Amino acid sequence: MELRQALAKRGDITEDKILTDYEEALQVAKAQAKPSSIVQAATAQAKLVGLLKDRIETTNVHDFETMESIDDIFRKVADDLGPEAAAALSKVFGLDK
């Protein structure tokens, strides 16, 4: 961490400078009417300030591959996260189990 901070300081790289650079890129993208570039610049800004975070899967997603019914899924959710979570999930999908 200290090495990274030292390198950033040496290169005069600050969060404000990066945000400014992204803002300039965003304005250029808007002027050129390039929607994908607009989204990229806005997303980069949001990630830098902590508004967007990459999701990291922390559980074994393969557990669900072997399930044969929605009831299996609700049982798994209830076992792992509790019956309230399973009930909330079923409500979201309009199943109200």
PDB file of N, CA and C in Angstrom:
ATOM      1  N   MET A   1       0.831  -1.191   0.000  1.00  0.00           N
ATOM      2  CA  MET A   1       0.000   0.000   0.000  1.00  0.00           C
ATOM      3  C   MET A   1       0.872   1.250   0.000  1.00  0.00           C
ATOM      4  N   GLU A   2       1.929   1.254   0.800  1.00  0.00           N
ATOM      5  CA  GLU A   2       2.808   2.425   0.848  1.00  0.00           C
ATOM      6  C   GLU A   2       3.500   2.651  -0.482  1.00  0.00           C
ATOM      7  N   LEU A   3       3.901   1.558  -1.141  1.00  0.00           N
ATOM      8  CA  LEU A   3       4.557   1.670  -2.443  1.00  0.00           C
ATOM      9  C   LEU A   3       3.595   2.279  -3.456  1.00  0.00           C
ATOM     10  N   ARG A   4       2.345   1.833  -3.434  1.00  0.00           N
ATOM     11  CA  ARG A   4       1.342   2.360  -4.357  1.00  0.00           C
ATOM     12  C   ARG A   4       1.134   3.852  -4.125  1.00  0.00           C
ATOM     13  N   GLN A   5       1.066   4.250  -2.850  1.00  0.00           N
ATOM     14  CA  GLN A   5       0.891   5.668  -2.531  1.00  0.00           C
ATOM     15  C   GLN A   5       2.097   6.479  -2.982  1.00  0.00           C
ATOM     16  N   ALA A   6       3.288   5.919  -2.802  1.00  0.00           N
ATOM     17  CA  ALA A   6       4.501   6.626  -3.217  1.00  0.00           C
ATOM     18  C   ALA A   6       4.535   6.807  -4.730  1.00  0.00           C
ATOM     19  N   LEU A   7       4.163   5.755  -5.455  1.00  0.00           N
ATOM     20  CA  LEU A   7       4.147   5.854  -6.916  1.00  0.00           C
ATOM     21  C   LEU A   7       3.084   6.850  -7.386  1.00  0.00           C
ATOM     22  N   ALA A   8       1.938   6.837  -6.752  1.00  0.00           N
ATOM     23  CA  ALA A   8       0.880   7.780  -7.113  1.00  0.00           C
ATOM     24  C   ALA A   8       1.322   9.207  -6.842  1.00  0.00           C
ATOM     25  N   LYS A   9       1.974   9.416  -5.712  1.00  0.00           N
ATOM     26  CA  LYS A   9       2.446  10.762  -5.364  1.00  0.00           C
ATOM     27  C   LYS A   9       3.500  11.223  -6.359  1.00  0.00           C
ATOM     28  N   ARG A  10       4.404  10.306  -6.706  1.00  0.00           N
ATOM     29  CA  ARG A  10       5.466  10.663  -7.642  1.00  0.00           C
ATOM     30  C   ARG A  10       4.878  11.040  -9.001  1.00  0.00           C
ATOM     31  N   GLY A  11       3.828  10.352  -9.403  1.00  0.00           N
ATOM     32  CA  GLY A  11       3.198  10.649 -10.688  1.00  0.00           C
ATOM     33  C   GLY A  11       2.126  11.709 -10.586  1.00  0.00           C
ATOM     34  N   ASP A  12       1.980  12.328  -9.413  1.00  0.00           N
ATOM     35  CA  ASP A  12       0.975  13.350  -9.161  1.00  0.00           C
ATOM     36  C   ASP A  12      -0.421  12.845  -9.529  1.00  0.00           C
ATOM     37  N   ILE A  13      -0.682  11.616  -9.135  1.00  0.00           N
ATOM     38  CA  ILE A  13      -1.984  11.018  -9.404  1.00  0.00           C
ATOM     39  C   ILE A  13      -2.811  11.091  -8.136  1.00  0.00           C
ATOM     40  N   THR A  14      -3.916  11.800  -8.236  1.00  0.00           N
ATOM     41  CA  THR A  14      -4.823  11.906  -7.096  1.00  0.00           C
ATOM     42  C   THR A  14      -6.220  11.516  -7.558  1.00  0.00           C
ATOM     43  N   GLU A  15      -7.075  11.234  -6.605  1.00  0.00           N
ATOM     44  CA  GLU A  15      -8.458  10.906  -6.956  1.00  0.00           C
ATOM     45  C   GLU A  15      -9.107  12.078  -7.689  1.00  0.00           C
ATOM     46  N   ASP A  16      -8.832  13.288  -7.245  1.00  0.00           N
ATOM     47  CA  ASP A  16      -9.411  14.460  -7.899  1.00  0.00           C
ATOM     48  C   ASP A  16      -8.947  14.580  -9.351  1.00  0.00           C
ATOM     49  N   LYS A  17      -7.665  14.314  -9.593  1.00  0.00           N
ATOM     50  CA  LYS A  17      -7.138  14.395 -10.960  1.00  0.00           C
ATOM     51  C   LYS A  17      -7.791  13.342 -11.836  1.00  0.00           C
ATOM     52  N   ILE A  18      -7.936  12.136 -11.315  1.00  0.00           N
ATOM     53  CA  ILE A  18      -8.557  11.073 -12.100  1.00  0.00           C
ATOM     54  C   ILE A  18     -10.021  11.405 -12.382  1.00  0.00           C
ATOM     55  N   LEU A  19     -10.720  11.903 -11.369  1.00  0.00           N
ATOM     56  CA  LEU A  19     -12.117  12.301 -11.584  1.00  0.00           C
ATOM     57  C   LEU A  19     -12.223  13.400 -12.637  1.00  0.00           C
ATOM     58  N   THR A  20     -11.295  14.343 -12.598  1.00  0.00           N
ATOM     59  CA  THR A  20     -11.287  15.418 -13.591  1.00  0.00           C
ATOM     60  C   THR A  20     -11.055  14.850 -14.985  1.00  0.00           C
ATOM     61  N   ASP A  21     -10.105  13.923 -15.095  1.00  0.00           N
ATOM     62  CA  ASP A  21      -9.829  13.296 -16.394  1.00  0.00           C
ATOM     63  C   ASP A  21     -11.054  12.544 -16.912  1.00  0.00           C
ATOM     64  N   TYR A  22     -11.725  11.800 -16.033  1.00  0.00           N
ATOM     65  CA  TYR A  22     -12.940  11.097 -16.439  1.00  0.00           C
ATOM     66  C   TYR A  22     -14.033  12.075 -16.859  1.00  0.00           C
ATOM     67  N   GLU A  23     -14.140  13.193 -16.142  1.00  0.00           N
ATOM     68  CA  GLU A  23     -15.144  14.197 -16.485  1.00  0.00           C
ATOM     69  C   GLU A  23     -14.859  14.788 -17.864  1.00  0.00           C
ATOM     70  N   GLU A  24     -13.585  15.042 -18.162  1.00  0.00           N
ATOM     71  CA  GLU A  24     -13.213  15.552 -19.486  1.00  0.00           C
ATOM     72  C   GLU A  24     -13.555  14.525 -20.564  1.00  0.00           C
ATOM     73  N   ALA A  25     -13.271  13.251 -20.287  1.00  0.00           N
ATOM     74  CA  ALA A  25     -13.603  12.188 -21.240  1.00  0.00           C
ATOM     75  C   ALA A  25     -15.115  12.103 -21.437  1.00  0.00           C
ATOM     76  N   LEU A  26     -15.855  12.277 -20.360  1.00  0.00           N
ATOM     77  CA  LEU A  26     -17.314  12.247 -20.428  1.00  0.00           C
ATOM     78  C   LEU A  26     -17.837  13.376 -21.303  1.00  0.00           C
ATOM     79  N   GLN A  27     -17.298  14.555 -21.130  1.00  0.00           N
ATOM     80  CA  GLN A  27     -17.734  15.709 -21.930  1.00  0.00           C
ATOM     81  C   GLN A  27     -17.405  15.526 -23.408  1.00  0.00           C
ATOM     82  N   VAL A  28     -16.232  14.972 -23.709  1.00  0.00           N
ATOM     83  CA  VAL A  28     -15.856  14.695 -25.102  1.00  0.00           C
ATOM     84  C   VAL A  28     -16.809  13.663 -25.699  1.00  0.00           C
ATOM     85  N   ALA A  29     -17.089  12.615 -24.940  1.00  0.00           N
ATOM     86  CA  ALA A  29     -18.005  11.571 -25.412  1.00  0.00           C
ATOM     87  C   ALA A  29     -19.391  12.155 -25.688  1.00  0.00           C
ATOM     88  N   LYS A  30     -19.848  13.038 -24.816  1.00  0.00           N
ATOM     89  CA  LYS A  30     -21.155  13.671 -25.028  1.00  0.00           C
ATOM     90  C   LYS A  30     -21.125  14.544 -26.287  1.00  0.00           C
ATOM     91  N   ALA A  31     -20.062  15.304 -26.461  1.00  0.00           N
ATOM     92  CA  ALA A  31     -19.950  16.180 -27.631  1.00  0.00           C
ATOM     93  C   ALA A  31     -19.916  15.376 -28.923  1.00  0.00           C
ATOM     94  N   GLN A  32     -19.324  14.197 -28.867  1.00  0.00           N
ATOM     95  CA  GLN A  32     -19.238  13.340 -30.047  1.00  0.00           C
ATOM     96  C   GLN A  32     -20.423  12.384 -30.164  1.00  0.00           C
ATOM     97  N   ALA A  33     -21.356  12.480 -29.214  1.00  0.00           N
ATOM     98  CA  ALA A  33     -22.552  11.625 -29.202  1.00  0.00           C
ATOM     99  C   ALA A  33     -22.191  10.148 -29.288  1.00  0.00           C
ATOM    100  N   LYS A  34     -21.318   9.716 -28.375  1.00  0.00           N
ATOM    101  CA  LYS A  34     -20.902   8.319 -28.314  1.00  0.00           C
ATOM    102  C   LYS A  34     -21.437   7.708 -27.012  1.00  0.00           C
ATOM    103  N   PRO A  35     -22.614   7.114 -27.079  1.00  0.00           N
ATOM    104  CA  PRO A  35     -23.258   6.600 -25.861  1.00  0.00           C
ATOM    105  C   PRO A  35     -22.403   5.609 -25.073  1.00  0.00           C
ATOM    106  N   SER A  36     -21.731   4.698 -25.751  1.00  0.00           N
ATOM    107  CA  SER A  36     -20.947   3.706 -24.999  1.00  0.00           C
ATOM    108  C   SER A  36     -19.785   4.357 -24.265  1.00  0.00           C
ATOM    109  N   SER A  37     -19.196   5.376 -24.851  1.00  0.00           N
ATOM    110  CA  SER A  37     -18.109   6.093 -24.185  1.00  0.00           C
ATOM    111  C   SER A  37     -18.629   6.915 -23.009  1.00  0.00           C
ATOM    112  N   ILE A  38     -19.836   7.438 -23.151  1.00  0.00           N
ATOM    113  CA  ILE A  38     -20.461   8.183 -22.055  1.00  0.00           C
ATOM    114  C   ILE A  38     -20.663   7.248 -20.867  1.00  0.00           C
ATOM    115  N   VAL A  39     -21.203   6.074 -21.142  1.00  0.00           N
ATOM    116  CA  VAL A  39     -21.445   5.098 -20.078  1.00  0.00           C
ATOM    117  C   VAL A  39     -20.129   4.668 -19.437  1.00  0.00           C
ATOM    118  N   GLN A  40     -19.110   4.422 -20.233  1.00  0.00           N
ATOM    119  CA  GLN A  40     -17.814   4.000 -19.686  1.00  0.00           C
ATOM    120  C   GLN A  40     -17.232   5.058 -18.758  1.00  0.00           C
ATOM    121  N   ALA A  41     -17.253   6.308 -19.173  1.00  0.00           N
ATOM    122  CA  ALA A  41     -16.688   7.382 -18.348  1.00  0.00           C
ATOM    123  C   ALA A  41     -17.500   7.576 -17.073  1.00  0.00           C
ATOM    124  N   ALA A  42     -18.810   7.554 -17.188  1.00  0.00           N
ATOM    125  CA  ALA A  42     -19.660   7.725 -16.006  1.00  0.00           C
ATOM    126  C   ALA A  42     -19.491   6.556 -15.037  1.00  0.00           C
ATOM    127  N   THR A  43     -19.390   5.346 -15.581  1.00  0.00           N
ATOM    128  CA  THR A  43     -19.194   4.165 -14.745  1.00  0.00           C
ATOM    129  C   THR A  43     -17.851   4.232 -14.021  1.00  0.00           C
ATOM    130  N   ALA A  44     -16.821   4.644 -14.724  1.00  0.00           N
ATOM    131  CA  ALA A  44     -15.498   4.760 -14.109  1.00  0.00           C
ATOM    132  C   ALA A  44     -15.528   5.773 -12.960  1.00  0.00           C
ATOM    133  N   GLN A  45     -16.211   6.894 -13.167  1.00  0.00           N
ATOM    134  CA  GLN A  45     -16.329   7.886 -12.096  1.00  0.00           C
ATOM    135  C   GLN A  45     -17.051   7.290 -10.892  1.00  0.00           C
ATOM    136  N   ALA A  46     -18.153   6.623 -11.135  1.00  0.00           N
ATOM    137  CA  ALA A  46     -18.947   6.054 -10.050  1.00  0.00           C
ATOM    138  C   ALA A  46     -18.149   5.005  -9.271  1.00  0.00           C
ATOM    139  N   LYS A  47     -17.380   4.189  -9.972  1.00  0.00           N
ATOM    140  CA  LYS A  47     -16.557   3.181  -9.289  1.00  0.00           C
ATOM    141  C   LYS A  47     -15.483   3.855  -8.443  1.00  0.00           C
ATOM    142  N   LEU A  48     -14.875   4.895  -8.976  1.00  0.00           N
ATOM    143  CA  LEU A  48     -13.799   5.570  -8.256  1.00  0.00           C
ATOM    144  C   LEU A  48     -14.273   6.161  -6.937  1.00  0.00           C
ATOM    145  N   VAL A  49     -15.481   6.696  -6.931  1.00  0.00           N
ATOM    146  CA  VAL A  49     -15.985   7.310  -5.694  1.00  0.00           C
ATOM    147  C   VAL A  49     -16.780   6.324  -4.830  1.00  0.00           C
ATOM    148  N   GLY A  50     -16.854   5.072  -5.273  1.00  0.00           N
ATOM    149  CA  GLY A  50     -17.472   4.040  -4.448  1.00  0.00           C
ATOM    150  C   GLY A  50     -18.966   3.860  -4.625  1.00  0.00           C
ATOM    151  N   LEU A  51     -19.549   4.473  -5.641  1.00  0.00           N
ATOM    152  CA  LEU A  51     -20.979   4.311  -5.867  1.00  0.00           C
ATOM    153  C   LEU A  51     -21.306   2.993  -6.558  1.00  0.00           C
ATOM    154  N   LEU A  52     -20.368   2.450  -7.297  1.00  0.00           N
ATOM    155  CA  LEU A  52     -20.528   1.153  -7.950  1.00  0.00           C
ATOM    156  C   LEU A  52     -19.390   0.250  -7.518  1.00  0.00           C
ATOM    157  N   LYS A  53     -19.742  -0.988  -7.259  1.00  0.00           N
ATOM    158  CA  LYS A  53     -18.718  -1.959  -6.871  1.00  0.00           C
ATOM    159  C   LYS A  53     -18.919  -3.221  -7.680  1.00  0.00           C
ATOM    160  N   ASP A  54     -17.820  -3.828  -8.090  1.00  0.00           N
ATOM    161  CA  ASP A  54     -17.912  -5.095  -8.788  1.00  0.00           C
ATOM    162  C   ASP A  54     -18.395  -6.149  -7.812  1.00  0.00           C
ATOM    163  N   ARG A  55     -19.324  -6.956  -8.267  1.00  0.00           N
ATOM    164  CA  ARG A  55     -19.838  -8.027  -7.415  1.00  0.00           C
ATOM    165  C   ARG A  55     -18.904  -9.213  -7.475  1.00  0.00           C
ATOM    166  N   ILE A  56     -18.659  -9.789  -6.330  1.00  0.00           N
ATOM    167  CA  ILE A  56     -17.820 -10.973  -6.243  1.00  0.00           C
ATOM    168  C   ILE A  56     -18.666 -12.072  -5.623  1.00  0.00           C
ATOM    169  N   GLU A  57     -18.802 -13.176  -6.332  1.00  0.00           N
ATOM    170  CA  GLU A  57     -19.597 -14.295  -5.830  1.00  0.00           C
ATOM    171  C   GLU A  57     -18.841 -14.953  -4.690  1.00  0.00           C
ATOM    172  N   THR A  58     -19.498 -15.087  -3.565  1.00  0.00           N
ATOM    173  CA  THR A  58     -18.834 -15.656  -2.393  1.00  0.00           C
ATOM    174  C   THR A  58     -19.358 -17.035  -2.023  1.00  0.00           C
ATOM    175  N   THR A  59     -20.393 -17.471  -2.711  1.00  0.00           N
ATOM    176  CA  THR A  59     -20.921 -18.800  -2.428  1.00  0.00           C
ATOM    177  C   THR A  59     -20.770 -19.668  -3.663  1.00  0.00           C
ATOM    178  N   ASN A  60     -21.023 -20.926  -3.503  1.00  0.00           N
ATOM    179  CA  ASN A  60     -20.897 -21.861  -4.600  1.00  0.00           C
ATOM    180  C   ASN A  60     -22.151 -21.797  -5.470  1.00  0.00           C
ATOM    181  N   VAL A  61     -22.040 -21.139  -6.604  1.00  0.00           N
ATOM    182  CA  VAL A  61     -23.193 -20.996  -7.487  1.00  0.00           C
ATOM    183  C   VAL A  61     -23.601 -22.325  -8.095  1.00  0.00           C
ATOM    184  N   HIS A  62     -22.704 -23.282  -8.087  1.00  0.00           N
ATOM    185  CA  HIS A  62     -23.008 -24.587  -8.678  1.00  0.00           C
ATOM    186  C   HIS A  62     -24.016 -25.367  -7.846  1.00  0.00           C
ATOM    187  N   ASP A  63     -24.250 -24.976  -6.604  1.00  0.00           N
ATOM    188  CA  ASP A  63     -25.249 -25.648  -5.778  1.00  0.00           C
ATOM    189  C   ASP A  63     -26.611 -25.656  -6.471  1.00  0.00           C
ATOM    190  N   PHE A  64     -26.914 -24.607  -7.210  1.00  0.00           N
ATOM    191  CA  PHE A  64     -28.220 -24.478  -7.834  1.00  0.00           C
ATOM    192  C   PHE A  64     -28.335 -25.259  -9.134  1.00  0.00           C
ATOM    193  N   GLU A  65     -27.220 -25.632  -9.736  1.00  0.00           N
ATOM    194  CA  GLU A  65     -27.260 -26.339 -11.008  1.00  0.00           C
ATOM    195  C   GLU A  65     -27.916 -27.707 -10.904  1.00  0.00           C
ATOM    196  N   THR A  66     -27.814 -28.347  -9.762  1.00  0.00           N
ATOM    197  CA  THR A  66     -28.347 -29.699  -9.608  1.00  0.00           C
ATOM    198  C   THR A  66     -29.791 -29.714  -9.131  1.00  0.00           C
ATOM    199  N   MET A  67     -30.345 -28.574  -8.833  1.00  0.00           N
ATOM    200  CA  MET A  67     -31.709 -28.509  -8.315  1.00  0.00           C
ATOM    201  C   MET A  67     -32.708 -28.712  -9.447  1.00  0.00           C
ATOM    202  N   GLU A  68     -33.776 -29.421  -9.121  1.00  0.00           N
ATOM    203  CA  GLU A  68     -34.748 -29.779 -10.148  1.00  0.00           C
ATOM    204  C   GLU A  68     -36.056 -29.010 -10.044  1.00  0.00           C
ATOM    205  N   SER A  69     -36.265 -28.299  -8.939  1.00  0.00           N
ATOM    206  CA  SER A  69     -37.529 -27.576  -8.800  1.00  0.00           C
ATOM    207  C   SER A  69     -37.308 -26.273  -8.038  1.00  0.00           C
ATOM    208  N   ILE A  70     -38.312 -25.421  -8.136  1.00  0.00           N
ATOM    209  CA  ILE A  70     -38.261 -24.156  -7.405  1.00  0.00           C
ATOM    210  C   ILE A  70     -38.283 -24.410  -5.904  1.00  0.00           C
ATOM    211  N   ASP A  71     -38.948 -25.485  -5.486  1.00  0.00           N
ATOM    212  CA  ASP A  71     -38.976 -25.828  -4.065  1.00  0.00           C
ATOM    213  C   ASP A  71     -37.579 -26.153  -3.546  1.00  0.00           C
ATOM    214  N   ASP A  72     -36.762 -26.816  -4.390  1.00  0.00           N
ATOM    215  CA  ASP A  72     -35.379 -27.102  -4.007  1.00  0.00           C
ATOM    216  C   ASP A  72     -34.615 -25.801  -3.750  1.00  0.00           C
ATOM    217  N   ILE A  73     -34.865 -24.834  -4.606  1.00  0.00           N
ATOM    218  CA  ILE A  73     -34.183 -23.544  -4.467  1.00  0.00           C
ATOM    219  C   ILE A  73     -34.613 -22.845  -3.174  1.00  0.00           C
ATOM    220  N   PHE A  74     -35.913 -22.841  -2.903  1.00  0.00           N
ATOM    221  CA  PHE A  74     -36.392 -22.194  -1.676  1.00  0.00           C
ATOM    222  C   PHE A  74     -35.864 -22.893  -0.420  1.00  0.00           C
ATOM    223  N   ARG A  75     -35.772 -24.228  -0.469  1.00  0.00           N
ATOM    224  CA  ARG A  75     -35.215 -24.955   0.679  1.00  0.00           C
ATOM    225  C   ARG A  75     -33.754 -24.580   0.891  1.00  0.00           C
ATOM    226  N   LYS A  76     -33.005 -24.482  -0.202  1.00  0.00           N
ATOM    227  CA  LYS A  76     -31.579 -24.114  -0.116  1.00  0.00           C
ATOM    228  C   LYS A  76     -31.440 -22.711   0.467  1.00  0.00           C
ATOM    229  N   VAL A  77     -32.233 -21.775  -0.026  1.00  0.00           N
ATOM    230  CA  VAL A  77     -32.178 -20.399   0.488  1.00  0.00           C
ATOM    231  C   VAL A  77     -32.553 -20.387   1.967  1.00  0.00           C
ATOM    232  N   ALA A  78     -33.581 -21.126   2.331  1.00  0.00           N
ATOM    233  CA  ALA A  78     -34.002 -21.178   3.737  1.00  0.00           C
ATOM    234  C   ALA A  78     -32.909 -21.774   4.611  1.00  0.00           C
ATOM    235  N   ASP A  79     -32.248 -22.820   4.131  1.00  0.00           N
ATOM    236  CA  ASP A  79     -31.168 -23.446   4.894  1.00  0.00           C
ATOM    237  C   ASP A  79     -29.975 -22.513   5.053  1.00  0.00           C
ATOM    238  N   ASP A  80     -29.620 -21.827   3.973  1.00  0.00           N
ATOM    239  CA  ASP A  80     -28.425 -20.977   3.990  1.00  0.00           C
ATOM    240  C   ASP A  80     -28.662 -19.617   4.638  1.00  0.00           C
ATOM    241  N   LEU A  81     -29.817 -19.024   4.372  1.00  0.00           N
ATOM    242  CA  LEU A  81     -30.048 -17.642   4.785  1.00  0.00           C
ATOM    243  C   LEU A  81     -31.207 -17.463   5.759  1.00  0.00           C
ATOM    244  N   GLY A  82     -31.965 -18.534   5.942  1.00  0.00           N
ATOM    245  CA  GLY A  82     -33.085 -18.462   6.870  1.00  0.00           C
ATOM    246  C   GLY A  82     -34.416 -18.436   6.154  1.00  0.00           C
ATOM    247  N   PRO A  83     -35.467 -18.833   6.882  1.00  0.00           N
ATOM    248  CA  PRO A  83     -36.791 -18.893   6.273  1.00  0.00           C
ATOM    249  C   PRO A  83     -37.324 -17.535   5.826  1.00  0.00           C
ATOM    250  N   GLU A  84     -36.907 -16.461   6.498  1.00  0.00           N
ATOM    251  CA  GLU A  84     -37.363 -15.127   6.095  1.00  0.00           C
ATOM    252  C   GLU A  84     -36.845 -14.776   4.708  1.00  0.00           C
ATOM    253  N   ALA A  85     -35.601 -15.167   4.426  1.00  0.00           N
ATOM    254  CA  ALA A  85     -35.018 -14.890   3.108  1.00  0.00           C
ATOM    255  C   ALA A  85     -35.751 -15.675   2.028  1.00  0.00           C
ATOM    256  N   ALA A  86     -36.078 -16.930   2.319  1.00  0.00           N
ATOM    257  CA  ALA A  86     -36.812 -17.746   1.350  1.00  0.00           C
ATOM    258  C   ALA A  86     -38.198 -17.158   1.098  1.00  0.00           C
ATOM    259  N   ALA A  87     -38.851 -16.701   2.155  1.00  0.00           N
ATOM    260  CA  ALA A  87     -40.176 -16.096   2.009  1.00  0.00           C
ATOM    261  C   ALA A  87     -40.103 -14.810   1.193  1.00  0.00           C
ATOM    262  N   ALA A  88     -39.079 -14.007   1.441  1.00  0.00           N
ATOM    263  CA  ALA A  88     -38.908 -12.756   0.693  1.00  0.00           C
ATOM    264  C   ALA A  88     -38.647 -13.045  -0.780  1.00  0.00           C
ATOM    265  N   LEU A  89     -37.841 -14.059  -1.056  1.00  0.00           N
ATOM    266  CA  LEU A  89     -37.543 -14.427  -2.435  1.00  0.00           C
ATOM    267  C   LEU A  89     -38.798 -14.892  -3.153  1.00  0.00           C
ATOM    268  N   SER A  90     -39.583 -15.719  -2.502  1.00  0.00           N
ATOM    269  CA  SER A  90     -40.806 -16.204  -3.141  1.00  0.00           C
ATOM    270  C   SER A  90     -41.786 -15.062  -3.396  1.00  0.00           C
ATOM    271  N   LYS A  91     -41.809 -14.102  -2.478  1.00  0.00           N
ATOM    272  CA  LYS A  91     -42.700 -12.945  -2.658  1.00  0.00           C
ATOM    273  C   LYS A  91     -42.270 -12.102  -3.865  1.00  0.00           C
ATOM    274  N   VAL A  92     -40.956 -11.927  -4.020  1.00  0.00           N
ATOM    275  CA  VAL A  92     -40.430 -11.159  -5.146  1.00  0.00           C
ATOM    276  C   VAL A  92     -40.870 -11.790  -6.466  1.00  0.00           C
ATOM    277  N   PHE A  93     -40.884 -13.116  -6.506  1.00  0.00           N
ATOM    278  CA  PHE A  93     -41.266 -13.811  -7.729  1.00  0.00           C
ATOM    279  C   PHE A  93     -42.776 -14.066  -7.805  1.00  0.00           C
ATOM    280  N   GLY A  94     -43.513 -13.543  -6.844  1.00  0.00           N
ATOM    281  CA  GLY A  94     -44.959 -13.671  -6.875  1.00  0.00           C
ATOM    282  C   GLY A  94     -45.461 -15.065  -6.540  1.00  0.00           C
ATOM    283  N   LEU A  95     -44.666 -15.838  -5.822  1.00  0.00           N
ATOM    284  CA  LEU A  95     -45.041 -17.216  -5.492  1.00  0.00           C
ATOM    285  C   LEU A  95     -45.564 -17.344  -4.076  1.00  0.00           C
ATOM    286  N   ASP A  96     -45.259 -16.396  -3.228  1.00  0.00           N
ATOM    287  CA  ASP A  96     -45.720 -16.352  -1.841  1.00  0.00           C
ATOM    288  C   ASP A  96     -45.792 -17.716  -1.161  1.00  0.00           C
ATOM    289  N   LYS A  97     -44.668 -18.348  -1.091  1.00  0.00           N
ATOM    290  CA  LYS A  97     -44.584 -19.669  -0.419  1.00  0.00           C
ATOM    291  C   LYS A  97     -44.510 -19.489   1.066  1.00  0.00           C
TER     292      LYS A  97
END
